Amino acid sequence: MAKNTGDGFRRGSVTGRTQFQRADGLYQKRDERTGTFMEVKQSPGKFKGVASEPDGRDTDNS
């Protein structure tokens, strides 16, 4: 499980989640198991510790 360090980054990756950049430039999370769309990041940049689609960090439907 990913842990916050308090220094602006995480140790480890968040499992069972991926992120992608939407057409409007914001990043959104997706649950790998169900395919459900999750929250949209309103501030600039990516979610910390969440794998980008596709990068192969997690297994199929982890």
PDB file of N, CA and C in Angstrom:
ATOM      1  N   MET A   1       0.845  -1.175   0.000  1.00  0.00           N
ATOM      2  CA  MET A   1       0.000   0.000   0.000  1.00  0.00           C
ATOM      3  C   MET A   1       0.890   1.239   0.000  1.00  0.00           C
ATOM      4  N   ALA A   2       0.465   2.248  -0.717  1.00  0.00           N
ATOM      5  CA  ALA A   2       1.221   3.497  -0.792  1.00  0.00           C
ATOM      6  C   ALA A   2       1.081   4.267   0.514  1.00  0.00           C
ATOM      7  N   LYS A   3       2.152   4.901   0.922  1.00  0.00           N
ATOM      8  CA  LYS A   3       2.163   5.698   2.147  1.00  0.00           C
ATOM      9  C   LYS A   3       2.641   7.105   1.827  1.00  0.00           C
ATOM     10  N   ASN A   4       2.003   8.103   2.430  1.00  0.00           N
ATOM     11  CA  ASN A   4       2.455   9.478   2.292  1.00  0.00           C
ATOM     12  C   ASN A   4       3.704   9.678   3.139  1.00  0.00           C
ATOM     13  N   THR A   5       4.653  10.451   2.634  1.00  0.00           N
ATOM     14  CA  THR A   5       5.872  10.716   3.390  1.00  0.00           C
ATOM     15  C   THR A   5       5.814  12.056   4.104  1.00  0.00           C
ATOM     16  N   GLY A   6       4.910  12.942   3.675  1.00  0.00           N
ATOM     17  CA  GLY A   6       4.866  14.280   4.242  1.00  0.00           C
ATOM     18  C   GLY A   6       5.812  15.238   3.541  1.00  0.00           C
ATOM     19  N   ASP A   7       6.544  14.737   2.538  1.00  0.00           N
ATOM     20  CA  ASP A   7       7.505  15.556   1.793  1.00  0.00           C
ATOM     21  C   ASP A   7       7.062  15.769   0.353  1.00  0.00           C
ATOM     22  N   GLY A   8       5.767  15.592   0.064  1.00  0.00           N
ATOM     23  CA  GLY A   8       5.255  15.858  -1.273  1.00  0.00           C
ATOM     24  C   GLY A   8       5.326  14.697  -2.236  1.00  0.00           C
ATOM     25  N   PHE A   9       5.580  13.484  -1.716  1.00  0.00           N
ATOM     26  CA  PHE A   9       5.583  12.315  -2.584  1.00  0.00           C
ATOM     27  C   PHE A   9       5.143  11.097  -1.775  1.00  0.00           C
ATOM     28  N   ARG A  10       4.873   9.979  -2.461  1.00  0.00           N
ATOM     29  CA  ARG A  10       4.453   8.750  -1.811  1.00  0.00           C
ATOM     30  C   ARG A  10       5.516   7.676  -1.967  1.00  0.00           C
ATOM     31  N   ARG A  11       5.556   6.748  -1.024  1.00  0.00           N
ATOM     32  CA  ARG A  11       6.368   5.531  -1.142  1.00  0.00           C
ATOM     33  C   ARG A  11       5.456   4.440  -1.669  1.00  0.00           C
ATOM     34  N   GLY A  12       5.826   3.840  -2.787  1.00  0.00           N
ATOM     35  CA  GLY A  12       5.019   2.769  -3.363  1.00  0.00           C
ATOM     36  C   GLY A  12       3.947   3.317  -4.280  1.00  0.00           C
ATOM     37  N   SER A  13       3.286   2.406  -4.959  1.00  0.00           N
ATOM     38  CA  SER A  13       2.238   2.832  -5.887  1.00  0.00           C
ATOM     39  C   SER A  13       0.879   2.426  -5.358  1.00  0.00           C
ATOM     40  N   VAL A  14      -0.131   3.158  -5.757  1.00  0.00           N
ATOM     41  CA  VAL A  14      -1.505   2.847  -5.411  1.00  0.00           C
ATOM     42  C   VAL A  14      -1.944   1.714  -6.328  1.00  0.00           C
ATOM     43  N   THR A  15      -2.376   0.585  -5.762  1.00  0.00           N
ATOM     44  CA  THR A  15      -2.749  -0.564  -6.587  1.00  0.00           C
ATOM     45  C   THR A  15      -4.231  -0.528  -6.918  1.00  0.00           C
ATOM     46  N   GLY A  16      -4.571  -1.130  -8.039  1.00  0.00           N
ATOM     47  CA  GLY A  16      -5.967  -1.209  -8.453  1.00  0.00           C
ATOM     48  C   GLY A  16      -6.511   0.080  -9.024  1.00  0.00           C
ATOM     49  N   ARG A  17      -5.647   1.061  -9.290  1.00  0.00           N
ATOM     50  CA  ARG A  17      -6.068   2.355  -9.834  1.00  0.00           C
ATOM     51  C   ARG A  17      -5.131   2.743 -10.974  1.00  0.00           C
ATOM     52  N   THR A  18      -5.677   3.375 -11.986  1.00  0.00           N
ATOM     53  CA  THR A  18      -4.867   3.972 -13.041  1.00  0.00           C
ATOM     54  C   THR A  18      -5.372   5.388 -13.258  1.00  0.00           C
ATOM     55  N   GLN A  19      -4.593   6.178 -13.971  1.00  0.00           N
ATOM     56  CA  GLN A  19      -5.013   7.544 -14.281  1.00  0.00           C
ATOM     57  C   GLN A  19      -4.756   7.820 -15.749  1.00  0.00           C
ATOM     58  N   PHE A  20      -5.533   8.737 -16.270  1.00  0.00           N
ATOM     59  CA  PHE A  20      -5.374   9.134 -17.668  1.00  0.00           C
ATOM     60  C   PHE A  20      -5.702  10.610 -17.773  1.00  0.00           C
ATOM     61  N   GLN A  21      -5.201  11.241 -18.831  1.00  0.00           N
ATOM     62  CA  GLN A  21      -5.465  12.655 -19.061  1.00  0.00           C
ATOM     63  C   GLN A  21      -6.674  12.787 -19.967  1.00  0.00           C
ATOM     64  N   ARG A  22      -7.656  13.542 -19.507  1.00  0.00           N
ATOM     65  CA  ARG A  22      -8.881  13.768 -20.261  1.00  0.00           C
ATOM     66  C   ARG A  22      -8.640  14.796 -21.360  1.00  0.00           C
ATOM     67  N   ALA A  23      -9.599  14.932 -22.249  1.00  0.00           N
ATOM     68  CA  ALA A  23      -9.487  15.890 -23.360  1.00  0.00           C
ATOM     69  C   ALA A  23      -9.346  17.325 -22.866  1.00  0.00           C
ATOM     70  N   ASP A  24      -9.878  17.636 -21.675  1.00  0.00           N
ATOM     71  CA  ASP A  24      -9.774  19.000 -21.137  1.00  0.00           C
ATOM     72  C   ASP A  24      -8.459  19.238 -20.396  1.00  0.00           C
ATOM     73  N   GLY A  25      -7.559  18.235 -20.363  1.00  0.00           N
ATOM     74  CA  GLY A  25      -6.244  18.394 -19.764  1.00  0.00           C
ATOM     75  C   GLY A  25      -6.161  17.985 -18.305  1.00  0.00           C
ATOM     76  N   LEU A  26      -7.292  17.691 -17.662  1.00  0.00           N
ATOM     77  CA  LEU A  26      -7.289  17.257 -16.270  1.00  0.00           C
ATOM     78  C   LEU A  26      -7.066  15.747 -16.208  1.00  0.00           C
ATOM     79  N   TYR A  27      -6.563  15.261 -15.064  1.00  0.00           N
ATOM     80  CA  TYR A  27      -6.337  13.832 -14.873  1.00  0.00           C
ATOM     81  C   TYR A  27      -7.486  13.229 -14.089  1.00  0.00           C
ATOM     82  N   GLN A  28      -7.868  12.004 -14.466  1.00  0.00           N
ATOM     83  CA  GLN A  28      -8.955  11.300 -13.799  1.00  0.00           C
ATOM     84  C   GLN A  28      -8.495   9.891 -13.459  1.00  0.00           C
ATOM     85  N   LYS A  29      -8.937   9.392 -12.294  1.00  0.00           N
ATOM     86  CA  LYS A  29      -8.616   8.032 -11.878  1.00  0.00           C
ATOM     87  C   LYS A  29      -9.683   7.068 -12.367  1.00  0.00           C
ATOM     88  N   ARG A  30      -9.248   5.806 -12.593  1.00  0.00           N
ATOM     89  CA  ARG A  30     -10.161   4.740 -12.983  1.00  0.00           C
ATOM     90  C   ARG A  30      -9.850   3.520 -12.120  1.00  0.00           C
ATOM     91  N   ASP A  31     -10.884   2.840 -11.629  1.00  0.00           N
ATOM     92  CA  ASP A  31     -10.731   1.606 -10.874  1.00  0.00           C
ATOM     93  C   ASP A  31     -10.458   0.483 -11.871  1.00  0.00           C
ATOM     94  N   GLU A  32      -9.342  -0.242 -11.688  1.00  0.00           N
ATOM     95  CA  GLU A  32      -8.984  -1.297 -12.635  1.00  0.00           C
ATOM     96  C   GLU A  32      -9.927  -2.482 -12.572  1.00  0.00           C
ATOM     97  N   ARG A  33     -10.475  -2.761 -11.412  1.00  0.00           N
ATOM     98  CA  ARG A  33     -11.322  -3.946 -11.259  1.00  0.00           C
ATOM     99  C   ARG A  33     -12.670  -3.772 -11.934  1.00  0.00           C
ATOM    100  N   THR A  34     -13.299  -2.604 -11.747  1.00  0.00           N
ATOM    101  CA  THR A  34     -14.655  -2.398 -12.250  1.00  0.00           C
ATOM    102  C   THR A  34     -14.712  -1.492 -13.469  1.00  0.00           C
ATOM    103  N   GLY A  35     -13.645  -0.743 -13.729  1.00  0.00           N
ATOM    104  CA  GLY A  35     -13.631   0.209 -14.829  1.00  0.00           C
ATOM    105  C   GLY A  35     -14.354   1.509 -14.507  1.00  0.00           C
ATOM    106  N   THR A  36     -14.795   1.651 -13.253  1.00  0.00           N
ATOM    107  CA  THR A  36     -15.528   2.839 -12.828  1.00  0.00           C
ATOM    108  C   THR A  36     -14.611   4.056 -12.810  1.00  0.00           C
ATOM    109  N   PHE A  37     -15.110   5.168 -13.351  1.00  0.00           N
ATOM    110  CA  PHE A  37     -14.365   6.417 -13.293  1.00  0.00           C
ATOM    111  C   PHE A  37     -14.475   6.989 -11.889  1.00  0.00           C
ATOM    112  N   MET A  38     -13.365   7.520 -11.389  1.00  0.00           N
ATOM    113  CA  MET A  38     -13.324   8.056 -10.036  1.00  0.00           C
ATOM    114  C   MET A  38     -13.081   9.561 -10.107  1.00  0.00           C
ATOM    115  N   GLU A  39     -12.437  10.109  -9.090  1.00  0.00           N
ATOM    116  CA  GLU A  39     -12.305  11.558  -9.004  1.00  0.00           C
ATOM    117  C   GLU A  39     -11.435  12.163 -10.103  1.00  0.00           C
ATOM    118  N   VAL A  40     -11.648  13.442 -10.339  1.00  0.00           N
ATOM    119  CA  VAL A  40     -10.889  14.227 -11.303  1.00  0.00           C
ATOM    120  C   VAL A  40     -10.023  15.197 -10.507  1.00  0.00           C
ATOM    121  N   LYS A  41      -8.745  15.265 -10.853  1.00  0.00           N
ATOM    122  CA  LYS A  41      -7.837  16.158 -10.139  1.00  0.00           C
ATOM    123  C   LYS A  41      -8.011  17.575 -10.677  1.00  0.00           C
ATOM    124  N   GLN A  42      -8.347  18.509  -9.806  1.00  0.00           N
ATOM    125  CA  GLN A  42      -8.607  19.885 -10.207  1.00  0.00           C
ATOM    126  C   GLN A  42      -7.343  20.739 -10.270  1.00  0.00           C
ATOM    127  N   SER A  43      -6.312  20.371  -9.511  1.00  0.00           N
ATOM    128  CA  SER A  43      -5.051  21.116  -9.556  1.00  0.00           C
ATOM    129  C   SER A  43      -4.181  20.556 -10.677  1.00  0.00           C
ATOM    130  N   PRO A  44      -3.204  21.329 -11.134  1.00  0.00           N
ATOM    131  CA  PRO A  44      -2.361  20.871 -12.253  1.00  0.00           C
ATOM    132  C   PRO A  44      -1.548  19.627 -11.900  1.00  0.00           C
ATOM    133  N   GLY A  45      -1.259  18.831 -12.888  1.00  0.00           N
ATOM    134  CA  GLY A  45      -0.401  17.671 -12.716  1.00  0.00           C
ATOM    135  C   GLY A  45      -1.167  16.391 -12.471  1.00  0.00           C
ATOM    136  N   LYS A  46      -0.386  15.311 -12.273  1.00  0.00           N
ATOM    137  CA  LYS A  46      -0.946  13.981 -12.098  1.00  0.00           C
ATOM    138  C   LYS A  46      -1.192  13.680 -10.620  1.00  0.00           C
ATOM    139  N   PHE A  47      -1.972  12.610 -10.367  1.00  0.00           N
ATOM    140  CA  PHE A  47      -2.123  12.084  -9.017  1.00  0.00           C
ATOM    141  C   PHE A  47      -0.799  11.451  -8.611  1.00  0.00           C
ATOM    142  N   LYS A  48      -0.424  11.585  -7.335  1.00  0.00           N
ATOM    143  CA  LYS A  48       0.815  10.985  -6.855  1.00  0.00           C
ATOM    144  C   LYS A  48       0.631   9.485  -6.655  1.00  0.00           C
ATOM    145  N   GLY A  49       1.567   8.695  -7.160  1.00  0.00           N
ATOM    146  CA  GLY A  49       1.596   7.267  -6.898  1.00  0.00           C
ATOM    147  C   GLY A  49       0.585   6.433  -7.652  1.00  0.00           C
ATOM    148  N   VAL A  50      -0.136   7.001  -8.601  1.00  0.00           N
ATOM    149  CA  VAL A  50      -1.129   6.254  -9.369  1.00  0.00           C
ATOM    150  C   VAL A  50      -0.557   6.006 -10.761  1.00  0.00           C
ATOM    151  N   ALA A  51      -0.617   4.752 -11.205  1.00  0.00           N
ATOM    152  CA  ALA A  51      -0.065   4.375 -12.508  1.00  0.00           C
ATOM    153  C   ALA A  51      -0.828   5.057 -13.631  1.00  0.00           C
ATOM    154  N   SER A  52      -0.089   5.491 -14.652  1.00  0.00           N
ATOM    155  CA  SER A  52      -0.710   6.071 -15.836  1.00  0.00           C
ATOM    156  C   SER A  52      -1.127   4.954 -16.783  1.00  0.00           C
ATOM    157  N   GLU A  53      -2.142   5.211 -17.581  1.00  0.00           N
ATOM    158  CA  GLU A  53      -2.590   4.210 -18.559  1.00  0.00           C
ATOM    159  C   GLU A  53      -1.864   4.422 -19.864  1.00  0.00           C
ATOM    160  N   PRO A  54      -1.489   3.400 -20.558  1.00  0.00           N
ATOM    161  CA  PRO A  54      -1.086   2.105 -20.027  1.00  0.00           C
ATOM    162  C   PRO A  54       0.385   2.162 -19.675  1.00  0.00           C
ATOM    163  N   ASP A  55       0.803   1.555 -18.590  1.00  0.00           N
ATOM    164  CA  ASP A  55       2.232   1.487 -18.293  1.00  0.00           C
ATOM    165  C   ASP A  55       2.655   0.128 -17.772  1.00  0.00           C
ATOM    166  N   GLY A  56       1.693  -0.761 -17.497  1.00  0.00           N
ATOM    167  CA  GLY A  56       2.043  -2.122 -17.125  1.00  0.00           C
ATOM    168  C   GLY A  56       2.538  -2.279 -15.697  1.00  0.00           C
ATOM    169  N   ARG A  57       2.381  -1.241 -14.859  1.00  0.00           N
ATOM    170  CA  ARG A  57       2.863  -1.346 -13.480  1.00  0.00           C
ATOM    171  C   ARG A  57       2.053  -2.369 -12.698  1.00  0.00           C
ATOM    172  N   ASP A  58       0.744  -2.384 -12.881  1.00  0.00           N
ATOM    173  CA  ASP A  58      -0.130  -3.341 -12.197  1.00  0.00           C
ATOM    174  C   ASP A  58      -0.454  -4.503 -13.128  1.00  0.00           C
ATOM    175  N   THR A  59      -0.882  -5.598 -12.551  1.00  0.00           N
ATOM    176  CA  THR A  59      -1.304  -6.736 -13.357  1.00  0.00           C
ATOM    177  C   THR A  59      -2.706  -6.497 -13.901  1.00  0.00           C
ATOM    178  N   ASP A  60      -3.163  -7.362 -14.788  1.00  0.00           N
ATOM    179  CA  ASP A  60      -4.521  -7.231 -15.333  1.00  0.00           C
ATOM    180  C   ASP A  60      -5.538  -7.300 -14.210  1.00  0.00           C
ATOM    181  N   ASN A  61      -6.369  -6.270 -14.126  1.00  0.00           N
ATOM    182  CA  ASN A  61      -7.445  -6.195 -13.120  1.00  0.00           C
ATOM    183  C   ASN A  61      -6.942  -6.479 -11.715  1.00  0.00           C
ATOM    184  N   SER A  62      -5.847  -5.836 -11.315  1.00  0.00           N
ATOM    185  CA  SER A  62      -5.274  -6.077  -9.986  1.00  0.00           C
ATOM    186  C   SER A  62      -6.158  -5.620  -8.871  1.00  0.00           C
TER     187      SER A  62
END
